[in-house]
Amino acid sequence: YMGHFLSVYFFSCMHSGSVDTALAHWRTARFGLFLHWGLYSTLGGQWQGQDLLGHAEWIMDNAKIPSEQYQALAAGFNPSHFNALQWVQLAKQAGAKYVVFTAKHHDGFAMFKSAASPCTL
């Protein structure tokens, strides 16, 4: 089911060698869902009792959170209730034509096991 709905436009079209094809596909699809979440999600826009709404994924930088403290969040980040199929079904019901999931975030956290970093699921 997910394989039929999820399309990684730029990868699949770029793999065939055509940037124009990738962009045309994206423009035709128009509405999609970008799932961009990671360790910062556990903070809910707060750090040390202070609301930092609007900072989202840049909270580590904007709140000057030391790397060691930020990395410690990995122990508490366990999206065990994440249900990819449910999210895809909701996106499809809303009319989304594609889903893009951030698998590795700029803060170094990866949503997959990797030897490159201890910050993974």
PDB file of N, CA and C in Angstrom:
ATOM      1  N   TYR A   1       0.821  -1.200   0.000  1.00  0.00           N
ATOM      2  CA  TYR A   1       0.000   0.000   0.000  1.00  0.00           C
ATOM      3  C   TYR A   1       0.858   1.254   0.000  1.00  0.00           C
ATOM      4  N   MET A   2       1.783   1.346   0.962  1.00  0.00           N
ATOM      5  CA  MET A   2       2.628   2.547   1.021  1.00  0.00           C
ATOM      6  C   MET A   2       3.466   2.690  -0.237  1.00  0.00           C
ATOM      7  N   GLY A   3       3.945   1.561  -0.759  1.00  0.00           N
ATOM      8  CA  GLY A   3       4.783   1.618  -1.944  1.00  0.00           C
ATOM      9  C   GLY A   3       4.065   2.233  -3.134  1.00  0.00           C
ATOM     10  N   HIS A   4       2.739   2.055  -3.192  1.00  0.00           N
ATOM     11  CA  HIS A   4       1.972   2.626  -4.304  1.00  0.00           C
ATOM     12  C   HIS A   4       1.744   4.120  -4.111  1.00  0.00           C
ATOM     13  N   PHE A   5       1.704   4.563  -2.870  1.00  0.00           N
ATOM     14  CA  PHE A   5       1.372   5.959  -2.608  1.00  0.00           C
ATOM     15  C   PHE A   5       2.607   6.831  -2.451  1.00  0.00           C
ATOM     16  N   LEU A   6       3.602   6.332  -1.749  1.00  0.00           N
ATOM     17  CA  LEU A   6       4.786   7.137  -1.507  1.00  0.00           C
ATOM     18  C   LEU A   6       5.600   7.272  -2.784  1.00  0.00           C
ATOM     19  N   SER A   7       5.927   8.469  -3.097  1.00  0.00           N
ATOM     20  CA  SER A   7       6.778   8.717  -4.252  1.00  0.00           C
ATOM     21  C   SER A   7       7.888   9.656  -3.835  1.00  0.00           C
ATOM     22  N   VAL A   8       9.066   9.272  -4.100  1.00  0.00           N
ATOM     23  CA  VAL A   8      10.195  10.158  -3.843  1.00  0.00           C
ATOM     24  C   VAL A   8      10.544  10.750  -5.198  1.00  0.00           C
ATOM     25  N   TYR A   9       9.865  11.837  -5.509  1.00  0.00           N
ATOM     26  CA  TYR A   9       9.918  12.392  -6.845  1.00  0.00           C
ATOM     27  C   TYR A   9      11.333  12.715  -7.317  1.00  0.00           C
ATOM     28  N   PHE A  10      12.030  13.479  -6.534  1.00  0.00           N
ATOM     29  CA  PHE A  10      13.322  13.918  -7.014  1.00  0.00           C
ATOM     30  C   PHE A  10      14.303  12.769  -7.131  1.00  0.00           C
ATOM     31  N   PHE A  11      14.258  11.833  -6.200  1.00  0.00           N
ATOM     32  CA  PHE A  11      15.168  10.699  -6.295  1.00  0.00           C
ATOM     33  C   PHE A  11      14.828   9.844  -7.505  1.00  0.00           C
ATOM     34  N   SER A  12      13.568   9.486  -7.636  1.00  0.00           N
ATOM     35  CA  SER A  12      13.212   8.592  -8.737  1.00  0.00           C
ATOM     36  C   SER A  12      13.404   9.270 -10.086  1.00  0.00           C
ATOM     37  N   CYS A  13      13.044  10.534 -10.180  1.00  0.00           N
ATOM     38  CA  CYS A  13      13.197  11.219 -11.461  1.00  0.00           C
ATOM     39  C   CYS A  13      14.652  11.586 -11.725  1.00  0.00           C
ATOM     40  N   MET A  14      15.366  11.946 -10.676  1.00  0.00           N
ATOM     41  CA  MET A  14      16.780  12.269 -10.858  1.00  0.00           C
ATOM     42  C   MET A  14      17.542  11.010 -11.237  1.00  0.00           C
ATOM     43  N   HIS A  15      17.108   9.888 -10.686  1.00  0.00           N
ATOM     44  CA  HIS A  15      17.769   8.625 -11.012  1.00  0.00           C
ATOM     45  C   HIS A  15      17.654   8.361 -12.515  1.00  0.00           C
ATOM     46  N   SER A  16      16.547   8.791 -13.103  1.00  0.00           N
ATOM     47  CA  SER A  16      16.386   8.621 -14.539  1.00  0.00           C
ATOM     48  C   SER A  16      17.107   9.728 -15.297  1.00  0.00           C
ATOM     49  N   GLY A  17      17.666  10.707 -14.562  1.00  0.00           N
ATOM     50  CA  GLY A  17      18.513  11.720 -15.178  1.00  0.00           C
ATOM     51  C   GLY A  17      17.826  12.992 -15.611  1.00  0.00           C
ATOM     52  N   SER A  18      16.603  13.259 -15.193  1.00  0.00           N
ATOM     53  CA  SER A  18      15.906  14.439 -15.672  1.00  0.00           C
ATOM     54  C   SER A  18      15.402  15.323 -14.539  1.00  0.00           C
ATOM     55  N   VAL A  19      16.056  16.460 -14.352  1.00  0.00           N
ATOM     56  CA  VAL A  19      15.599  17.442 -13.372  1.00  0.00           C
ATOM     57  C   VAL A  19      14.259  18.013 -13.819  1.00  0.00           C
ATOM     58  N   ASP A  20      14.113  18.259 -15.110  1.00  0.00           N
ATOM     59  CA  ASP A  20      12.854  18.803 -15.628  1.00  0.00           C
ATOM     60  C   ASP A  20      11.686  17.867 -15.348  1.00  0.00           C
ATOM     61  N   THR A  21      11.898  16.570 -15.496  1.00  0.00           N
ATOM     62  CA  THR A  21      10.849  15.587 -15.212  1.00  0.00           C
ATOM     63  C   THR A  21      10.481  15.618 -13.737  1.00  0.00           C
ATOM     64  N   ALA A  22      11.494  15.702 -12.892  1.00  0.00           N
ATOM     65  CA  ALA A  22      11.252  15.750 -11.444  1.00  0.00           C
ATOM     66  C   ALA A  22      10.436  16.976 -11.079  1.00  0.00           C
ATOM     67  N   LEU A  23      10.810  18.131 -11.593  1.00  0.00           N
ATOM     68  CA  LEU A  23      10.088  19.362 -11.285  1.00  0.00           C
ATOM     69  C   LEU A  23       8.674  19.347 -11.861  1.00  0.00           C
ATOM     70  N   ALA A  24       8.505  18.823 -13.059  1.00  0.00           N
ATOM     71  CA  ALA A  24       7.174  18.744 -13.659  1.00  0.00           C
ATOM     72  C   ALA A  24       6.270  17.838 -12.828  1.00  0.00           C
ATOM     73  N   HIS A  25       6.811  16.736 -12.365  1.00  0.00           N
ATOM     74  CA  HIS A  25       6.038  15.810 -11.535  1.00  0.00           C
ATOM     75  C   HIS A  25       5.621  16.488 -10.229  1.00  0.00           C
ATOM     76  N   TRP A  26       6.535  17.195  -9.618  1.00  0.00           N
ATOM     77  CA  TRP A  26       6.258  17.896  -8.370  1.00  0.00           C
ATOM     78  C   TRP A  26       5.203  18.980  -8.579  1.00  0.00           C
ATOM     79  N   ARG A  27       5.322  19.732  -9.657  1.00  0.00           N
ATOM     80  CA  ARG A  27       4.347  20.795  -9.935  1.00  0.00           C
ATOM     81  C   ARG A  27       2.960  20.217 -10.215  1.00  0.00           C
ATOM     82  N   THR A  28       2.901  19.084 -10.871  1.00  0.00           N
ATOM     83  CA  THR A  28       1.617  18.448 -11.172  1.00  0.00           C
ATOM     84  C   THR A  28       0.961  17.917  -9.899  1.00  0.00           C
ATOM     85  N   ALA A  29       1.749  17.323  -9.024  1.00  0.00           N
ATOM     86  CA  ALA A  29       1.220  16.759  -7.781  1.00  0.00           C
ATOM     87  C   ALA A  29       0.675  17.846  -6.867  1.00  0.00           C
ATOM     88  N   ARG A  30       1.316  18.976  -6.822  1.00  0.00           N
ATOM     89  CA  ARG A  30       0.933  20.174  -6.077  1.00  0.00           C
ATOM     90  C   ARG A  30       0.877  20.011  -4.565  1.00  0.00           C
ATOM     91  N   PHE A  31       0.077  19.136  -4.028  1.00  0.00           N
ATOM     92  CA  PHE A  31      -0.106  19.044  -2.578  1.00  0.00           C
ATOM     93  C   PHE A  31       0.544  17.774  -2.049  1.00  0.00           C
ATOM     94  N   GLY A  32       1.431  17.969  -1.089  1.00  0.00           N
ATOM     95  CA  GLY A  32       2.090  16.828  -0.474  1.00  0.00           C
ATOM     96  C   GLY A  32       2.314  17.074   1.001  1.00  0.00           C
ATOM     97  N   LEU A  33       2.821  16.084   1.672  1.00  0.00           N
ATOM     98  CA  LEU A  33       3.069  16.162   3.103  1.00  0.00           C
ATOM     99  C   LEU A  33       4.556  15.957   3.358  1.00  0.00           C
ATOM    100  N   PHE A  34       5.169  16.900   4.060  1.00  0.00           N
ATOM    101  CA  PHE A  34       6.559  16.772   4.465  1.00  0.00           C
ATOM    102  C   PHE A  34       6.594  16.445   5.952  1.00  0.00           C
ATOM    103  N   LEU A  35       7.097  15.276   6.297  1.00  0.00           N
ATOM    104  CA  LEU A  35       7.220  14.850   7.691  1.00  0.00           C
ATOM    105  C   LEU A  35       8.650  15.128   8.115  1.00  0.00           C
ATOM    106  N   HIS A  36       8.788  16.137   8.923  1.00  0.00           N
ATOM    107  CA  HIS A  36      10.109  16.620   9.314  1.00  0.00           C
ATOM    108  C   HIS A  36      10.132  16.706  10.841  1.00  0.00           C
ATOM    109  N   TRP A  37      10.584  15.637  11.472  1.00  0.00           N
ATOM    110  CA  TRP A  37      10.603  15.627  12.928  1.00  0.00           C
ATOM    111  C   TRP A  37      11.778  14.813  13.409  1.00  0.00           C
ATOM    112  N   GLY A  38      12.162  15.093  14.629  1.00  0.00           N
ATOM    113  CA  GLY A  38      13.325  14.426  15.204  1.00  0.00           C
ATOM    114  C   GLY A  38      13.424  14.727  16.683  1.00  0.00           C
ATOM    115  N   LEU A  39      14.639  14.760  17.195  1.00  0.00           N
ATOM    116  CA  LEU A  39      14.848  14.964  18.633  1.00  0.00           C
ATOM    117  C   LEU A  39      14.168  16.224  19.157  1.00  0.00           C
ATOM    118  N   TYR A  40      14.207  17.285  18.393  1.00  0.00           N
ATOM    119  CA  TYR A  40      13.619  18.553  18.840  1.00  0.00           C
ATOM    120  C   TYR A  40      12.134  18.405  19.144  1.00  0.00           C
ATOM    121  N   SER A  41      11.495  17.403  18.550  1.00  0.00           N
ATOM    122  CA  SER A  41      10.071  17.183  18.782  1.00  0.00           C
ATOM    123  C   SER A  41       9.776  16.856  20.242  1.00  0.00           C
ATOM    124  N   THR A  42      10.728  16.243  20.931  1.00  0.00           N
ATOM    125  CA  THR A  42      10.507  15.880  22.331  1.00  0.00           C
ATOM    126  C   THR A  42      10.420  17.103  23.228  1.00  0.00           C
ATOM    127  N   LEU A  43      10.976  18.220  22.768  1.00  0.00           N
ATOM    128  CA  LEU A  43      10.994  19.429  23.598  1.00  0.00           C
ATOM    129  C   LEU A  43       9.694  20.219  23.526  1.00  0.00           C
ATOM    130  N   GLY A  44       8.930  20.031  22.485  1.00  0.00           N
ATOM    131  CA  GLY A  44       7.657  20.733  22.369  1.00  0.00           C
ATOM    132  C   GLY A  44       7.795  22.243  22.381  1.00  0.00           C
ATOM    133  N   GLY A  45       8.919  22.753  21.873  1.00  0.00           N
ATOM    134  CA  GLY A  45       9.114  24.204  21.818  1.00  0.00           C
ATOM    135  C   GLY A  45       9.504  24.832  23.141  1.00  0.00           C
ATOM    136  N   GLN A  46       9.944  24.017  24.108  1.00  0.00           N
ATOM    137  CA  GLN A  46      10.344  24.550  25.413  1.00  0.00           C
ATOM    138  C   GLN A  46      11.739  24.068  25.785  1.00  0.00           C
ATOM    139  N   TRP A  47      12.476  24.937  26.452  1.00  0.00           N
ATOM    140  CA  TRP A  47      13.773  24.559  26.988  1.00  0.00           C
ATOM    141  C   TRP A  47      13.941  25.243  28.333  1.00  0.00           C
ATOM    142  N   GLN A  48      14.210  24.448  29.348  1.00  0.00           N
ATOM    143  CA  GLN A  48      14.409  24.928  30.725  1.00  0.00           C
ATOM    144  C   GLN A  48      13.276  25.848  31.167  1.00  0.00           C
ATOM    145  N   GLY A  49      12.038  25.404  30.891  1.00  0.00           N
ATOM    146  CA  GLY A  49      10.855  26.134  31.326  1.00  0.00           C
ATOM    147  C   GLY A  49      10.492  27.339  30.486  1.00  0.00           C
ATOM    148  N   GLN A  50      11.240  27.627  29.456  1.00  0.00           N
ATOM    149  CA  GLN A  50      10.985  28.801  28.623  1.00  0.00           C
ATOM    150  C   GLN A  50      10.352  28.355  27.301  1.00  0.00           C
ATOM    151  N   ASP A  51       9.260  29.033  26.932  1.00  0.00           N
ATOM    152  CA  ASP A  51       8.628  28.755  25.643  1.00  0.00           C
ATOM    153  C   ASP A  51       9.467  29.351  24.530  1.00  0.00           C
ATOM    154  N   LEU A  52       9.807  28.515  23.573  1.00  0.00           N
ATOM    155  CA  LEU A  52      10.585  28.947  22.421  1.00  0.00           C
ATOM    156  C   LEU A  52       9.845  28.567  21.143  1.00  0.00           C
ATOM    157  N   LEU A  53       8.549  28.783  21.146  1.00  0.00           N
ATOM    158  CA  LEU A  53       7.733  28.402  20.006  1.00  0.00           C
ATOM    159  C   LEU A  53       8.222  29.130  18.759  1.00  0.00           C
ATOM    160  N   GLY A  54       8.149  28.444  17.661  1.00  0.00           N
ATOM    161  CA  GLY A  54       8.607  29.011  16.402  1.00  0.00           C
ATOM    162  C   GLY A  54      10.043  28.640  16.086  1.00  0.00           C
ATOM    163  N   HIS A  55      10.721  28.013  17.038  1.00  0.00           N
ATOM    164  CA  HIS A  55      12.117  27.641  16.814  1.00  0.00           C
ATOM    165  C   HIS A  55      12.239  26.226  16.267  1.00  0.00           C
ATOM    166  N   ALA A  56      11.285  25.380  16.581  1.00  0.00           N
ATOM    167  CA  ALA A  56      11.207  23.998  16.096  1.00  0.00           C
ATOM    168  C   ALA A  56      12.573  23.339  15.981  1.00  0.00           C
ATOM    169  N   GLU A  57      12.946  22.969  14.764  1.00  0.00           N
ATOM    170  CA  GLU A  57      14.168  22.180  14.609  1.00  0.00           C
ATOM    171  C   GLU A  57      15.443  22.960  14.878  1.00  0.00           C
ATOM    172  N   TRP A  58      15.363  24.259  15.039  1.00  0.00           N
ATOM    173  CA  TRP A  58      16.555  25.064  15.333  1.00  0.00           C
ATOM    174  C   TRP A  58      16.677  25.365  16.828  1.00  0.00           C
ATOM    175  N   ILE A  59      15.910  24.663  17.655  1.00  0.00           N
ATOM    176  CA  ILE A  59      15.904  24.951  19.084  1.00  0.00           C
ATOM    177  C   ILE A  59      17.281  24.750  19.719  1.00  0.00           C
ATOM    178  N   MET A  60      18.025  23.760  19.271  1.00  0.00           N
ATOM    179  CA  MET A  60      19.365  23.522  19.832  1.00  0.00           C
ATOM    180  C   MET A  60      20.245  24.742  19.622  1.00  0.00           C
ATOM    181  N   ASP A  61      20.219  25.275  18.422  1.00  0.00           N
ATOM    182  CA  ASP A  61      21.041  26.442  18.106  1.00  0.00           C
ATOM    183  C   ASP A  61      20.506  27.703  18.773  1.00  0.00           C
ATOM    184  N   ASN A  62      19.203  27.948  18.642  1.00  0.00           N
ATOM    185  CA  ASN A  62      18.622  29.189  19.161  1.00  0.00           C
ATOM    186  C   ASN A  62      18.623  29.265  20.682  1.00  0.00           C
ATOM    187  N   ALA A  63      18.462  28.125  21.347  1.00  0.00           N
ATOM    188  CA  ALA A  63      18.462  28.110  22.815  1.00  0.00           C
ATOM    189  C   ALA A  63      19.860  27.846  23.376  1.00  0.00           C
ATOM    190  N   LYS A  64      20.836  27.689  22.489  1.00  0.00           N
ATOM    191  CA  LYS A  64      22.237  27.428  22.888  1.00  0.00           C
ATOM    192  C   LYS A  64      22.329  26.188  23.784  1.00  0.00           C
ATOM    193  N   ILE A  65      21.623  25.126  23.371  1.00  0.00           N
ATOM    194  CA  ILE A  65      21.637  23.880  24.136  1.00  0.00           C
ATOM    195  C   ILE A  65      22.963  23.175  23.869  1.00  0.00           C
ATOM    196  N   PRO A  66      23.720  22.868  24.899  1.00  0.00           N
ATOM    197  CA  PRO A  66      24.986  22.165  24.702  1.00  0.00           C
ATOM    198  C   PRO A  66      24.763  20.812  24.015  1.00  0.00           C
ATOM    199  N   SER A  67      25.677  20.447  23.153  1.00  0.00           N
ATOM    200  CA  SER A  67      25.568  19.223  22.366  1.00  0.00           C
ATOM    201  C   SER A  67      25.310  17.996  23.233  1.00  0.00           C
ATOM    202  N   GLU A  68      26.017  17.887  24.357  1.00  0.00           N
ATOM    203  CA  GLU A  68      25.852  16.723  25.229  1.00  0.00           C
ATOM    204  C   GLU A  68      24.422  16.628  25.757  1.00  0.00           C
ATOM    205  N   GLN A  69      23.847  17.770  26.133  1.00  0.00           N
ATOM    206  CA  GLN A  69      22.475  17.773  26.650  1.00  0.00           C
ATOM    207  C   GLN A  69      21.477  17.444  25.540  1.00  0.00           C
ATOM    208  N   TYR A  70      21.723  17.974  24.362  1.00  0.00           N
ATOM    209  CA  TYR A  70      20.820  17.720  23.246  1.00  0.00           C
ATOM    210  C   TYR A  70      20.871  16.249  22.845  1.00  0.00           C
ATOM    211  N   GLN A  71      22.063  15.687  22.787  1.00  0.00           N
ATOM    212  CA  GLN A  71      22.209  14.282  22.431  1.00  0.00           C
ATOM    213  C   GLN A  71      21.535  13.368  23.446  1.00  0.00           C
ATOM    214  N   ALA A  72      21.472  13.806  24.695  1.00  0.00           N
ATOM    215  CA  ALA A  72      20.817  13.017  25.739  1.00  0.00           C
ATOM    216  C   ALA A  72      19.318  12.854  25.463  1.00  0.00           C
ATOM    217  N   LEU A  73      18.747  13.745  24.654  1.00  0.00           N
ATOM    218  CA  LEU A  73      17.331  13.632  24.302  1.00  0.00           C
ATOM    219  C   LEU A  73      17.045  12.348  23.527  1.00  0.00           C
ATOM    220  N   ALA A  74      18.071  11.810  22.867  1.00  0.00           N
ATOM    221  CA  ALA A  74      17.886  10.601  22.059  1.00  0.00           C
ATOM    222  C   ALA A  74      17.357   9.444  22.904  1.00  0.00           C
ATOM    223  N   ALA A  75      17.757   9.382  24.167  1.00  0.00           N
ATOM    224  CA  ALA A  75      17.298   8.298  25.040  1.00  0.00           C
ATOM    225  C   ALA A  75      15.785   8.355  25.258  1.00  0.00           C
ATOM    226  N   GLY A  76      15.211   9.553  25.180  1.00  0.00           N
ATOM    227  CA  GLY A  76      13.778   9.711  25.411  1.00  0.00           C
ATOM    228  C   GLY A  76      12.945   9.793  24.149  1.00  0.00           C
ATOM    229  N   PHE A  77      13.606   9.779  23.008  1.00  0.00           N
ATOM    230  CA  PHE A  77      12.881   9.880  21.744  1.00  0.00           C
ATOM    231  C   PHE A  77      12.610   8.479  21.221  1.00  0.00           C
ATOM    232  N   ASN A  78      11.380   8.049  21.412  1.00  0.00           N
ATOM    233  CA  ASN A  78      10.995   6.720  20.991  1.00  0.00           C
ATOM    234  C   ASN A  78       9.598   6.807  20.385  1.00  0.00           C
ATOM    235  N   PRO A  79       9.533   7.074  19.095  1.00  0.00           N
ATOM    236  CA  PRO A  79       8.217   7.210  18.465  1.00  0.00           C
ATOM    237  C   PRO A  79       7.543   5.858  18.261  1.00  0.00           C
ATOM    238  N   SER A  80       7.366   5.143  19.358  1.00  0.00           N
ATOM    239  CA  SER A  80       6.809   3.787  19.280  1.00  0.00           C
ATOM    240  C   SER A  80       5.365   3.784  18.799  1.00  0.00           C
ATOM    241  N   HIS A  81       4.672   4.909  18.922  1.00  0.00           N
ATOM    242  CA  HIS A  81       3.287   4.974  18.464  1.00  0.00           C
ATOM    243  C   HIS A  81       3.178   5.503  17.042  1.00  0.00           C
ATOM    244  N   PHE A  82       4.323   5.768  16.420  1.00  0.00           N
ATOM    245  CA  PHE A  82       4.332   6.217  15.036  1.00  0.00           C
ATOM    246  C   PHE A  82       3.799   5.093  14.149  1.00  0.00           C
ATOM    247  N   ASN A  83       2.822   5.416  13.352  1.00  0.00           N
ATOM    248  CA  ASN A  83       2.203   4.438  12.474  1.00  0.00           C
ATOM    249  C   ASN A  83       2.231   5.011  11.056  1.00  0.00           C
ATOM    250  N   ALA A  84       3.231   4.610  10.289  1.00  0.00           N
ATOM    251  CA  ALA A  84       3.421   5.156   8.946  1.00  0.00           C
ATOM    252  C   ALA A  84       2.188   4.955   8.074  1.00  0.00           C
ATOM    253  N   LEU A  85       1.599   3.793   8.139  1.00  0.00           N
ATOM    254  CA  LEU A  85       0.426   3.511   7.313  1.00  0.00           C
ATOM    255  C   LEU A  85      -0.720   4.461   7.652  1.00  0.00           C
ATOM    256  N   GLN A  86      -0.939   4.698   8.936  1.00  0.00           N
ATOM    257  CA  GLN A  86      -2.006   5.611   9.355  1.00  0.00           C
ATOM    258  C   GLN A  86      -1.736   7.027   8.847  1.00  0.00           C
ATOM    259  N   TRP A  87      -0.486   7.480   8.956  1.00  0.00           N
ATOM    260  CA  TRP A  87      -0.140   8.821   8.491  1.00  0.00           C
ATOM    261  C   TRP A  87      -0.353   8.936   6.986  1.00  0.00           C
ATOM    262  N   VAL A  88       0.055   7.910   6.248  1.00  0.00           N
ATOM    263  CA  VAL A  88      -0.111   7.916   4.792  1.00  0.00           C
ATOM    264  C   VAL A  88      -1.590   7.920   4.433  1.00  0.00           C
ATOM    265  N   GLN A  89      -2.390   7.122   5.133  1.00  0.00           N
ATOM    266  CA  GLN A  89      -3.826   7.095   4.863  1.00  0.00           C
ATOM    267  C   GLN A  89      -4.457   8.465   5.104  1.00  0.00           C
ATOM    268  N   LEU A  90      -4.081   9.123   6.208  1.00  0.00           N
ATOM    269  CA  LEU A  90      -4.615  10.458   6.499  1.00  0.00           C
ATOM    270  C   LEU A  90      -4.187  11.466   5.439  1.00  0.00           C
ATOM    271  N   ALA A  91      -2.920  11.396   5.033  1.00  0.00           N
ATOM    272  CA  ALA A  91      -2.417  12.305   4.002  1.00  0.00           C
ATOM    273  C   ALA A  91      -3.179  12.087   2.695  1.00  0.00           C
ATOM    274  N   LYS A  92      -3.381  10.829   2.345  1.00  0.00           N
ATOM    275  CA  LYS A  92      -4.091  10.509   1.109  1.00  0.00           C
ATOM    276  C   LYS A  92      -5.536  10.996   1.179  1.00  0.00           C
ATOM    277  N   GLN A  93      -6.197  10.808   2.333  1.00  0.00           N
ATOM    278  CA  GLN A  93      -7.576  11.279   2.506  1.00  0.00           C
ATOM    279  C   GLN A  93      -7.655  12.799   2.383  1.00  0.00           C
ATOM    280  N   ALA A  94      -6.588  13.479   2.788  1.00  0.00           N
ATOM    281  CA  ALA A  94      -6.560  14.936   2.706  1.00  0.00           C
ATOM    282  C   ALA A  94      -6.243  15.424   1.288  1.00  0.00           C
ATOM    283  N   GLY A  95      -5.878  14.488   0.410  1.00  0.00           N
ATOM    284  CA  GLY A  95      -5.604  14.851  -0.977  1.00  0.00           C
ATOM    285  C   GLY A  95      -4.133  14.945  -1.331  1.00  0.00           C
ATOM    286  N   ALA A  96      -3.257  14.586  -0.400  1.00  0.00           N
ATOM    287  CA  ALA A  96      -1.821  14.643  -0.680  1.00  0.00           C
ATOM    288  C   ALA A  96      -1.462  13.638  -1.761  1.00  0.00           C
ATOM    289  N   LYS A  97      -0.566  14.039  -2.643  1.00  0.00           N
ATOM    290  CA  LYS A  97      -0.140  13.172  -3.741  1.00  0.00           C
ATOM    291  C   LYS A  97       1.240  12.576  -3.494  1.00  0.00           C
ATOM    292  N   TYR A  98       1.908  13.049  -2.462  1.00  0.00           N
ATOM    293  CA  TYR A  98       3.212  12.498  -2.125  1.00  0.00           C
ATOM    294  C   TYR A  98       3.517  12.770  -0.658  1.00  0.00           C
ATOM    295  N   VAL A  99       4.437  12.000  -0.120  1.00  0.00           N
ATOM    296  CA  VAL A  99       4.915  12.171   1.242  1.00  0.00           C
ATOM    297  C   VAL A  99       6.439  12.160   1.200  1.00  0.00           C
ATOM    298  N   VAL A 100       7.036  13.120   1.887  1.00  0.00           N
ATOM    299  CA  VAL A 100       8.493  13.162   2.020  1.00  0.00           C
ATOM    300  C   VAL A 100       8.794  13.060   3.505  1.00  0.00           C
ATOM    301  N   PHE A 101       9.601  12.105   3.875  1.00  0.00           N
ATOM    302  CA  PHE A 101       9.938  11.856   5.276  1.00  0.00           C
ATOM    303  C   PHE A 101      11.419  12.167   5.487  1.00  0.00           C
ATOM    304  N   THR A 102      11.723  13.024   6.455  1.00  0.00           N
ATOM    305  CA  THR A 102      13.112  13.336   6.771  1.00  0.00           C
ATOM    306  C   THR A 102      13.693  12.167   7.536  1.00  0.00           C
ATOM    307  N   ALA A 103      14.598  11.447   6.908  1.00  0.00           N
ATOM    308  CA  ALA A 103      15.187  10.258   7.516  1.00  0.00           C
ATOM    309  C   ALA A 103      16.423  10.590   8.341  1.00  0.00           C
ATOM    310  N   LYS A 104      17.125  11.653   7.993  1.00  0.00           N
ATOM    311  CA  LYS A 104      18.292  12.091   8.773  1.00  0.00           C
ATOM    312  C   LYS A 104      18.232  13.603   8.861  1.00  0.00           C
ATOM    313  N   HIS A 105      18.199  14.075  10.076  1.00  0.00           N
ATOM    314  CA  HIS A 105      18.030  15.493  10.328  1.00  0.00           C
ATOM    315  C   HIS A 105      19.380  16.190  10.421  1.00  0.00           C
ATOM    316  N   HIS A 106      19.380  17.506  10.213  1.00  0.00           N
ATOM    317  CA  HIS A 106      20.636  18.270  10.264  1.00  0.00           C
ATOM    318  C   HIS A 106      21.284  18.250  11.642  1.00  0.00           C
ATOM    319  N   ASP A 107      20.513  17.917  12.679  1.00  0.00           N
ATOM    320  CA  ASP A 107      21.099  17.842  14.021  1.00  0.00           C
ATOM    321  C   ASP A 107      21.867  16.542  14.232  1.00  0.00           C
ATOM    322  N   GLY A 108      21.866  15.683  13.220  1.00  0.00           N
ATOM    323  CA  GLY A 108      22.622  14.438  13.286  1.00  0.00           C
ATOM    324  C   GLY A 108      21.789  13.217  13.619  1.00  0.00           C
ATOM    325  N   PHE A 109      20.546  13.426  14.037  1.00  0.00           N
ATOM    326  CA  PHE A 109      19.705  12.300  14.420  1.00  0.00           C
ATOM    327  C   PHE A 109      19.137  11.626  13.178  1.00  0.00           C
ATOM    328  N   ALA A 110      19.224  10.305  13.140  1.00  0.00           N
ATOM    329  CA  ALA A 110      18.707   9.537  12.004  1.00  0.00           C
ATOM    330  C   ALA A 110      17.549   8.656  12.451  1.00  0.00           C
ATOM    331  N   MET A 111      16.573   8.524  11.595  1.00  0.00           N
ATOM    332  CA  MET A 111      15.403   7.703  11.876  1.00  0.00           C
ATOM    333  C   MET A 111      15.636   6.249  11.475  1.00  0.00           C
ATOM    334  N   PHE A 112      16.908   5.877  11.368  1.00  0.00           N
ATOM    335  CA  PHE A 112      17.297   4.519  11.000  1.00  0.00           C
ATOM    336  C   PHE A 112      18.609   4.205  11.693  1.00  0.00           C
ATOM    337  N   LYS A 113      18.910   2.947  11.861  1.00  0.00           N
ATOM    338  CA  LYS A 113      20.181   2.554  12.472  1.00  0.00           C
ATOM    339  C   LYS A 113      21.303   2.911  11.524  1.00  0.00           C
ATOM    340  N   SER A 114      22.377   3.472  12.105  1.00  0.00           N
ATOM    341  CA  SER A 114      23.514   3.878  11.291  1.00  0.00           C
ATOM    342  C   SER A 114      24.785   3.785  12.122  1.00  0.00           C
ATOM    343  N   ALA A 115      25.841   3.308  11.513  1.00  0.00           N
ATOM    344  CA  ALA A 115      27.129   3.267  12.190  1.00  0.00           C
ATOM    345  C   ALA A 115      27.776   4.640  12.243  1.00  0.00           C
ATOM    346  N   ALA A 116      27.231   5.588  11.493  1.00  0.00           N
ATOM    347  CA  ALA A 116      27.795   6.929  11.411  1.00  0.00           C
ATOM    348  C   ALA A 116      27.531   7.764  12.667  1.00  0.00           C
ATOM    349  N   SER A 117      26.502   7.396  13.430  1.00  0.00           N
ATOM    350  CA  SER A 117      26.135   8.208  14.585  1.00  0.00           C
ATOM    351  C   SER A 117      25.430   7.346  15.616  1.00  0.00           C
ATOM    352  N   PRO A 118      25.652   7.640  16.898  1.00  0.00           N
ATOM    353  CA  PRO A 118      24.916   6.920  17.940  1.00  0.00           C
ATOM    354  C   PRO A 118      23.485   7.457  18.087  1.00  0.00           C
ATOM    355  N   CYS A 119      23.186   8.584  17.440  1.00  0.00           N
ATOM    356  CA  CYS A 119      21.865   9.207  17.552  1.00  0.00           C
ATOM    357  C   CYS A 119      20.947   8.667  16.462  1.00  0.00           C
ATOM    358  N   THR A 120      20.383   7.490  16.739  1.00  0.00           N
ATOM    359  CA  THR A 120      19.479   6.836  15.790  1.00  0.00           C
ATOM    360  C   THR A 120      18.342   6.164  16.567  1.00  0.00           C
ATOM    361  N   LEU A 121      17.335   5.736  15.835  1.00  0.00           N
ATOM    362  CA  LEU A 121      16.273   4.959  16.462  1.00  0.00           C
ATOM    363  C   LEU A 121      16.756   3.560  16.726  1.00  0.00           C
TER     364      LEU A 121
END
